[in-house]
Amino acid sequence: EVQLQASGGGLVQTGGSLRLSCAASGFIFDEYVIGWFRQAPGKEREGVSYIGTGDGRVDYTESVRGRFTISSDNAKNTVYLQMNNLKPEDTAVYYCARRINFLGYLLPHPWETYEYDSWGQGTLVTVSS
């Protein structure tokens, strides 16, 4: 079965760092894009970052660009999100999800949640002011 397990959340002060992990199993890892999304109470889920595990393509939403770094350890079937200089507005439940990649081609609708067909349970990140 397809499984995605997000972990690494916790409590951190403004300006601190956390590294989130997304452990994947049950599918051919390098054929997929792994995305990180987050959702704060009362707000819509938004895309944070994604990585093509087979081709290395990456992108970030503007609010985290320069602060967050996404990476993949394909030997471990795990994607990481290194979050530095955290701000209170980063507080949310963070989810990882997968979608099929289009190796060698432009990725359609990379930020649309409906393109991601499997989701993990999420991990809570709380940034205190």
N, C-alpha and C. Protein backbone atom coordinates (compact mmCIF):
# COMPACT_ATOMS: atom_id res chain seq x y z
N GLU A 1 0.82 -1.18 0.00
CA GLU A 1 0.00 0.00 0.00
C GLU A 1 0.87 1.25 0.00
N VAL A 2 0.35 2.30 -0.60
CA VAL A 2 1.04 3.58 -0.62
C VAL A 2 0.95 4.20 0.76
N GLN A 3 2.10 4.61 1.29
CA GLN A 3 2.14 5.28 2.59
C GLN A 3 3.08 6.47 2.54
N LEU A 4 2.66 7.54 3.17
CA LEU A 4 3.48 8.73 3.37
C LEU A 4 3.37 9.12 4.83
N GLN A 5 4.51 9.26 5.49
CA GLN A 5 4.52 9.54 6.92
C GLN A 5 5.32 10.81 7.17
N ALA A 6 4.63 11.87 7.57
CA ALA A 6 5.28 13.12 7.90
C ALA A 6 5.66 13.13 9.37
N SER A 7 6.84 13.67 9.66
CA SER A 7 7.31 13.76 11.03
C SER A 7 8.28 14.92 11.16
N GLY A 8 8.64 15.26 12.38
CA GLY A 8 9.64 16.27 12.64
C GLY A 8 9.10 17.60 13.14
N GLY A 9 7.79 17.75 13.22
CA GLY A 9 7.23 18.98 13.73
C GLY A 9 7.46 19.13 15.22
N GLY A 10 7.17 20.32 15.71
CA GLY A 10 7.35 20.59 17.13
C GLY A 10 7.22 22.06 17.42
N LEU A 11 7.65 22.43 18.60
CA LEU A 11 7.63 23.81 19.05
C LEU A 11 8.99 24.45 18.84
N VAL A 12 8.99 25.66 18.32
CA VAL A 12 10.24 26.37 18.09
C VAL A 12 9.99 27.87 18.22
N GLN A 13 11.01 28.60 18.63
CA GLN A 13 10.90 30.05 18.73
C GLN A 13 11.10 30.71 17.38
N THR A 14 10.59 31.91 17.26
CA THR A 14 10.83 32.70 16.06
C THR A 14 12.32 32.77 15.77
N GLY A 15 12.67 32.51 14.52
CA GLY A 15 14.06 32.50 14.11
C GLY A 15 14.73 31.15 14.20
N GLY A 16 14.05 30.18 14.78
CA GLY A 16 14.60 28.85 14.93
C GLY A 16 14.42 28.00 13.68
N SER A 17 14.81 26.73 13.79
CA SER A 17 14.81 25.82 12.66
C SER A 17 14.18 24.49 13.03
N LEU A 18 13.61 23.85 12.05
CA LEU A 18 13.12 22.48 12.15
C LEU A 18 13.38 21.78 10.83
N ARG A 19 13.54 20.47 10.88
CA ARG A 19 13.61 19.67 9.67
C ARG A 19 12.49 18.65 9.68
N LEU A 20 11.62 18.75 8.70
CA LEU A 20 10.54 17.79 8.54
C LEU A 20 10.98 16.66 7.63
N SER A 21 10.43 15.48 7.87
CA SER A 21 10.72 14.31 7.06
C SER A 21 9.42 13.74 6.51
N CYS A 22 9.49 13.22 5.30
CA CYS A 22 8.38 12.50 4.69
C CYS A 22 8.91 11.16 4.21
N ALA A 23 8.56 10.11 4.93
CA ALA A 23 9.00 8.76 4.59
C ALA A 23 7.95 8.10 3.72
N ALA A 24 8.36 7.63 2.56
CA ALA A 24 7.45 7.07 1.58
C ALA A 24 7.69 5.58 1.39
N SER A 25 6.62 4.86 1.08
CA SER A 25 6.73 3.44 0.77
C SER A 25 5.55 3.03 -0.10
N GLY A 26 5.70 1.90 -0.76
CA GLY A 26 4.60 1.33 -1.53
C GLY A 26 4.50 1.79 -2.96
N PHE A 27 5.49 2.52 -3.45
CA PHE A 27 5.49 2.96 -4.85
C PHE A 27 6.91 3.23 -5.31
N ILE A 28 7.08 3.40 -6.61
CA ILE A 28 8.39 3.66 -7.18
C ILE A 28 8.72 5.13 -6.94
N PHE A 29 9.58 5.35 -5.99
CA PHE A 29 9.80 6.67 -5.43
C PHE A 29 10.20 7.70 -6.49
N ASP A 30 11.15 7.37 -7.34
CA ASP A 30 11.70 8.37 -8.25
C ASP A 30 10.83 8.67 -9.47
N GLU A 31 9.65 8.08 -9.55
CA GLU A 31 8.69 8.43 -10.59
C GLU A 31 7.73 9.54 -10.15
N TYR A 32 7.89 10.04 -8.94
CA TYR A 32 6.90 10.93 -8.37
C TYR A 32 7.50 12.26 -7.92
N VAL A 33 6.62 13.23 -7.80
CA VAL A 33 6.88 14.49 -7.13
C VAL A 33 6.33 14.40 -5.72
N ILE A 34 7.11 14.82 -4.74
CA ILE A 34 6.66 14.91 -3.36
C ILE A 34 6.50 16.39 -3.02
N GLY A 35 5.33 16.74 -2.55
CA GLY A 35 5.04 18.11 -2.17
C GLY A 35 4.79 18.25 -0.69
N TRP A 36 5.12 19.41 -0.17
CA TRP A 36 4.77 19.80 1.19
C TRP A 36 3.69 20.87 1.13
N PHE A 37 2.64 20.66 1.89
CA PHE A 37 1.54 21.60 2.02
C PHE A 37 1.34 21.90 3.50
N ARG A 38 0.71 23.02 3.79
CA ARG A 38 0.43 23.34 5.17
C ARG A 38 -0.95 23.95 5.30
N GLN A 39 -1.52 23.79 6.49
CA GLN A 39 -2.85 24.32 6.75
C GLN A 39 -2.93 24.81 8.19
N ALA A 40 -3.24 26.08 8.34
CA ALA A 40 -3.47 26.68 9.64
C ALA A 40 -4.97 26.66 9.92
N PRO A 41 -5.38 26.69 11.20
CA PRO A 41 -6.80 26.68 11.52
C PRO A 41 -7.56 27.81 10.83
N GLY A 42 -8.67 27.47 10.19
CA GLY A 42 -9.49 28.46 9.52
C GLY A 42 -8.98 28.92 8.18
N LYS A 43 -7.89 28.35 7.70
CA LYS A 43 -7.32 28.75 6.42
C LYS A 43 -7.27 27.57 5.46
N GLU A 44 -7.19 27.89 4.19
CA GLU A 44 -7.08 26.85 3.18
C GLU A 44 -5.69 26.24 3.16
N ARG A 45 -5.63 25.01 2.71
CA ARG A 45 -4.34 24.36 2.54
C ARG A 45 -3.57 25.03 1.41
N GLU A 46 -2.29 25.27 1.64
CA GLU A 46 -1.47 25.92 0.64
C GLU A 46 -0.19 25.12 0.39
N GLY A 47 0.27 25.18 -0.83
CA GLY A 47 1.52 24.54 -1.17
C GLY A 47 2.70 25.30 -0.62
N VAL A 48 3.70 24.58 -0.15
CA VAL A 48 4.91 25.15 0.42
C VAL A 48 6.10 24.92 -0.50
N SER A 49 6.29 23.68 -0.91
CA SER A 49 7.43 23.31 -1.73
C SER A 49 7.17 21.96 -2.36
N TYR A 50 7.91 21.65 -3.43
CA TYR A 50 7.85 20.32 -4.00
C TYR A 50 9.18 19.96 -4.63
N ILE A 51 9.38 18.67 -4.81
CA ILE A 51 10.60 18.17 -5.43
C ILE A 51 10.27 16.97 -6.30
N GLY A 52 10.83 16.94 -7.48
CA GLY A 52 10.79 15.75 -8.31
C GLY A 52 11.92 14.83 -7.90
N THR A 53 11.58 13.69 -7.33
CA THR A 53 12.61 12.82 -6.78
C THR A 53 13.47 12.17 -7.86
N GLY A 54 12.95 12.09 -9.09
CA GLY A 54 13.71 11.51 -10.18
C GLY A 54 14.51 12.51 -10.99
N ASP A 55 14.04 13.74 -11.10
CA ASP A 55 14.71 14.73 -11.94
C ASP A 55 15.25 15.93 -11.16
N GLY A 56 14.93 16.02 -9.88
CA GLY A 56 15.48 17.06 -9.03
C GLY A 56 14.83 18.42 -9.14
N ARG A 57 13.77 18.55 -9.90
CA ARG A 57 13.11 19.84 -9.99
C ARG A 57 12.56 20.23 -8.63
N VAL A 58 12.67 21.51 -8.28
CA VAL A 58 12.17 22.02 -7.01
C VAL A 58 11.53 23.37 -7.22
N ASP A 59 10.64 23.73 -6.31
CA ASP A 59 10.07 25.06 -6.29
C ASP A 59 9.56 25.34 -4.89
N TYR A 60 9.34 26.64 -4.61
CA TYR A 60 8.90 27.10 -3.31
C TYR A 60 7.86 28.19 -3.48
N THR A 61 6.93 28.25 -2.56
CA THR A 61 6.06 29.40 -2.54
C THR A 61 6.85 30.61 -2.06
N GLU A 62 6.44 31.80 -2.48
CA GLU A 62 7.26 32.98 -2.26
C GLU A 62 7.49 33.29 -0.78
N SER A 63 6.54 32.95 0.07
CA SER A 63 6.66 33.29 1.48
C SER A 63 7.76 32.49 2.19
N VAL A 64 8.22 31.39 1.61
CA VAL A 64 9.26 30.59 2.24
C VAL A 64 10.56 30.57 1.45
N ARG A 65 10.57 31.11 0.26
CA ARG A 65 11.76 31.09 -0.58
C ARG A 65 12.92 31.77 0.14
N GLY A 66 14.06 31.10 0.15
CA GLY A 66 15.23 31.61 0.84
C GLY A 66 15.34 31.17 2.28
N ARG A 67 14.26 30.68 2.86
CA ARG A 67 14.26 30.19 4.24
C ARG A 67 14.15 28.67 4.32
N PHE A 68 13.41 28.07 3.41
CA PHE A 68 13.19 26.62 3.41
C PHE A 68 13.97 25.98 2.29
N THR A 69 14.41 24.75 2.52
CA THR A 69 15.10 23.98 1.51
C THR A 69 14.54 22.57 1.48
N ILE A 70 14.11 22.12 0.30
CA ILE A 70 13.60 20.78 0.14
C ILE A 70 14.69 19.91 -0.47
N SER A 71 14.74 18.65 -0.05
CA SER A 71 15.73 17.72 -0.57
C SER A 71 15.18 16.31 -0.52
N SER A 72 15.83 15.41 -1.23
CA SER A 72 15.39 14.02 -1.29
C SER A 72 16.57 13.09 -1.09
N ASP A 73 16.39 12.08 -0.25
CA ASP A 73 17.34 11.00 -0.09
C ASP A 73 16.68 9.76 -0.69
N ASN A 74 16.99 9.50 -1.95
CA ASN A 74 16.27 8.44 -2.66
C ASN A 74 16.61 7.05 -2.12
N ALA A 75 17.79 6.89 -1.55
CA ALA A 75 18.15 5.60 -0.96
C ALA A 75 17.27 5.27 0.23
N LYS A 76 16.74 6.29 0.89
CA LYS A 76 15.86 6.10 2.04
C LYS A 76 14.39 6.35 1.71
N ASN A 77 14.09 6.67 0.46
CA ASN A 77 12.72 7.02 0.07
C ASN A 77 12.14 8.09 0.99
N THR A 78 12.93 9.11 1.25
CA THR A 78 12.54 10.14 2.20
C THR A 78 12.83 11.52 1.62
N VAL A 79 11.87 12.42 1.77
CA VAL A 79 12.02 13.82 1.40
C VAL A 79 12.06 14.65 2.67
N TYR A 80 12.92 15.66 2.68
CA TYR A 80 13.08 16.52 3.83
C TYR A 80 12.70 17.96 3.49
N LEU A 81 12.25 18.67 4.48
CA LEU A 81 12.03 20.10 4.36
C LEU A 81 12.76 20.78 5.51
N GLN A 82 13.89 21.38 5.20
CA GLN A 82 14.65 22.14 6.18
C GLN A 82 14.06 23.54 6.26
N MET A 83 13.60 23.91 7.44
CA MET A 83 12.93 25.19 7.64
C MET A 83 13.79 26.03 8.59
N ASN A 84 14.30 27.13 8.08
CA ASN A 84 15.13 28.04 8.85
C ASN A 84 14.44 29.39 9.00
N ASN A 85 14.89 30.15 9.98
CA ASN A 85 14.34 31.48 10.24
C ASN A 85 12.81 31.44 10.30
N LEU A 86 12.31 30.53 11.11
CA LEU A 86 10.86 30.34 11.19
C LEU A 86 10.17 31.55 11.78
N LYS A 87 8.96 31.79 11.30
CA LYS A 87 8.14 32.91 11.72
C LYS A 87 6.82 32.39 12.27
N PRO A 88 6.14 33.17 13.12
CA PRO A 88 4.85 32.71 13.63
C PRO A 88 3.85 32.36 12.54
N GLU A 89 3.89 33.03 11.41
CA GLU A 89 2.97 32.73 10.33
C GLU A 89 3.26 31.39 9.65
N ASP A 90 4.36 30.75 10.00
CA ASP A 90 4.63 29.40 9.51
C ASP A 90 3.90 28.33 10.33
N THR A 91 3.28 28.72 11.42
CA THR A 91 2.57 27.77 12.27
C THR A 91 1.43 27.12 11.49
N ALA A 92 1.43 25.81 11.44
CA ALA A 92 0.43 25.07 10.68
C ALA A 92 0.69 23.58 10.85
N VAL A 93 -0.26 22.78 10.40
CA VAL A 93 -0.02 21.37 10.20
C VAL A 93 0.58 21.20 8.81
N TYR A 94 1.70 20.52 8.74
CA TYR A 94 2.39 20.31 7.48
C TYR A 94 2.15 18.89 6.99
N TYR A 95 1.75 18.79 5.74
CA TYR A 95 1.45 17.51 5.11
C TYR A 95 2.39 17.27 3.94
N CYS A 96 2.77 16.03 3.75
CA CYS A 96 3.43 15.66 2.51
C CYS A 96 2.49 14.82 1.67
N ALA A 97 2.67 14.91 0.36
CA ALA A 97 1.80 14.23 -0.58
C ALA A 97 2.59 13.89 -1.84
N ARG A 98 2.05 13.00 -2.65
CA ARG A 98 2.73 12.61 -3.87
C ARG A 98 1.84 12.80 -5.08
N ARG A 99 2.47 13.00 -6.21
CA ARG A 99 1.80 13.02 -7.50
C ARG A 99 2.76 12.50 -8.55
N ILE A 100 2.23 11.99 -9.62
CA ILE A 100 3.08 11.48 -10.69
C ILE A 100 3.88 12.62 -11.30
N ASN A 101 5.12 12.35 -11.63
CA ASN A 101 5.98 13.32 -12.29
C ASN A 101 5.84 13.18 -13.81
N PHE A 102 6.30 14.19 -14.52
CA PHE A 102 6.37 14.17 -15.98
C PHE A 102 7.82 14.42 -16.35
N LEU A 103 8.60 13.36 -16.27
CA LEU A 103 10.04 13.47 -16.45
C LEU A 103 10.37 14.00 -17.84
N GLY A 104 11.15 15.08 -17.87
CA GLY A 104 11.53 15.70 -19.12
C GLY A 104 10.54 16.70 -19.66
N TYR A 105 9.45 16.94 -18.96
CA TYR A 105 8.40 17.84 -19.41
C TYR A 105 8.00 18.79 -18.29
N LEU A 106 7.37 19.89 -18.67
CA LEU A 106 6.81 20.83 -17.70
C LEU A 106 5.80 20.11 -16.83
N LEU A 107 5.85 20.36 -15.53
CA LEU A 107 4.93 19.72 -14.60
C LEU A 107 3.62 20.48 -14.58
N PRO A 108 2.51 19.83 -14.95
CA PRO A 108 1.22 20.53 -14.95
C PRO A 108 0.70 20.77 -13.54
N HIS A 109 0.16 21.96 -13.33
CA HIS A 109 -0.54 22.30 -12.08
C HIS A 109 0.22 21.86 -10.83
N PRO A 110 1.45 22.30 -10.66
CA PRO A 110 2.26 21.77 -9.56
C PRO A 110 1.79 22.13 -8.16
N TRP A 111 0.99 23.18 -8.04
CA TRP A 111 0.53 23.63 -6.73
C TRP A 111 -0.91 23.25 -6.40
N GLU A 112 -1.53 22.52 -7.27
CA GLU A 112 -2.93 22.17 -7.07
C GLU A 112 -3.05 20.90 -6.24
N THR A 113 -3.79 20.99 -5.15
CA THR A 113 -3.91 19.84 -4.26
C THR A 113 -4.54 18.64 -4.93
N TYR A 114 -5.42 18.89 -5.91
CA TYR A 114 -6.12 17.77 -6.55
C TYR A 114 -5.19 16.90 -7.38
N GLU A 115 -4.03 17.41 -7.74
CA GLU A 115 -3.07 16.62 -8.49
C GLU A 115 -2.36 15.59 -7.62
N TYR A 116 -2.41 15.75 -6.33
CA TYR A 116 -1.72 14.86 -5.40
C TYR A 116 -2.70 13.81 -4.90
N ASP A 117 -2.40 12.56 -5.18
CA ASP A 117 -3.38 11.50 -4.97
C ASP A 117 -3.20 10.72 -3.68
N SER A 118 -2.12 10.94 -2.95
CA SER A 118 -1.90 10.29 -1.66
C SER A 118 -1.30 11.29 -0.69
N TRP A 119 -1.77 11.23 0.54
CA TRP A 119 -1.38 12.21 1.55
C TRP A 119 -1.00 11.53 2.86
N GLY A 120 -0.04 12.10 3.55
CA GLY A 120 0.28 11.67 4.89
C GLY A 120 -0.64 12.32 5.90
N GLN A 121 -0.44 11.98 7.16
CA GLN A 121 -1.30 12.46 8.23
C GLN A 121 -0.97 13.87 8.70
N GLY A 122 0.22 14.33 8.46
CA GLY A 122 0.60 15.67 8.84
C GLY A 122 1.36 15.72 10.15
N THR A 123 2.13 16.78 10.32
CA THR A 123 2.88 17.01 11.53
C THR A 123 2.77 18.49 11.89
N LEU A 124 2.56 18.77 13.17
CA LEU A 124 2.28 20.14 13.61
C LEU A 124 3.56 20.90 13.87
N VAL A 125 3.64 22.09 13.29
CA VAL A 125 4.73 23.03 13.53
C VAL A 125 4.15 24.25 14.22
N THR A 126 4.68 24.59 15.38
CA THR A 126 4.24 25.76 16.11
C THR A 126 5.44 26.67 16.36
N VAL A 127 5.33 27.90 15.91
CA VAL A 127 6.40 28.88 16.05
C VAL A 127 5.91 29.96 17.00
N SER A 128 6.57 30.11 18.11
CA SER A 128 6.18 31.08 19.12
C SER A 128 6.83 32.42 18.84
N SER A 129 6.12 33.49 19.18
CA SER A 129 6.62 34.84 18.96
C SER A 129 7.38 35.35 20.16
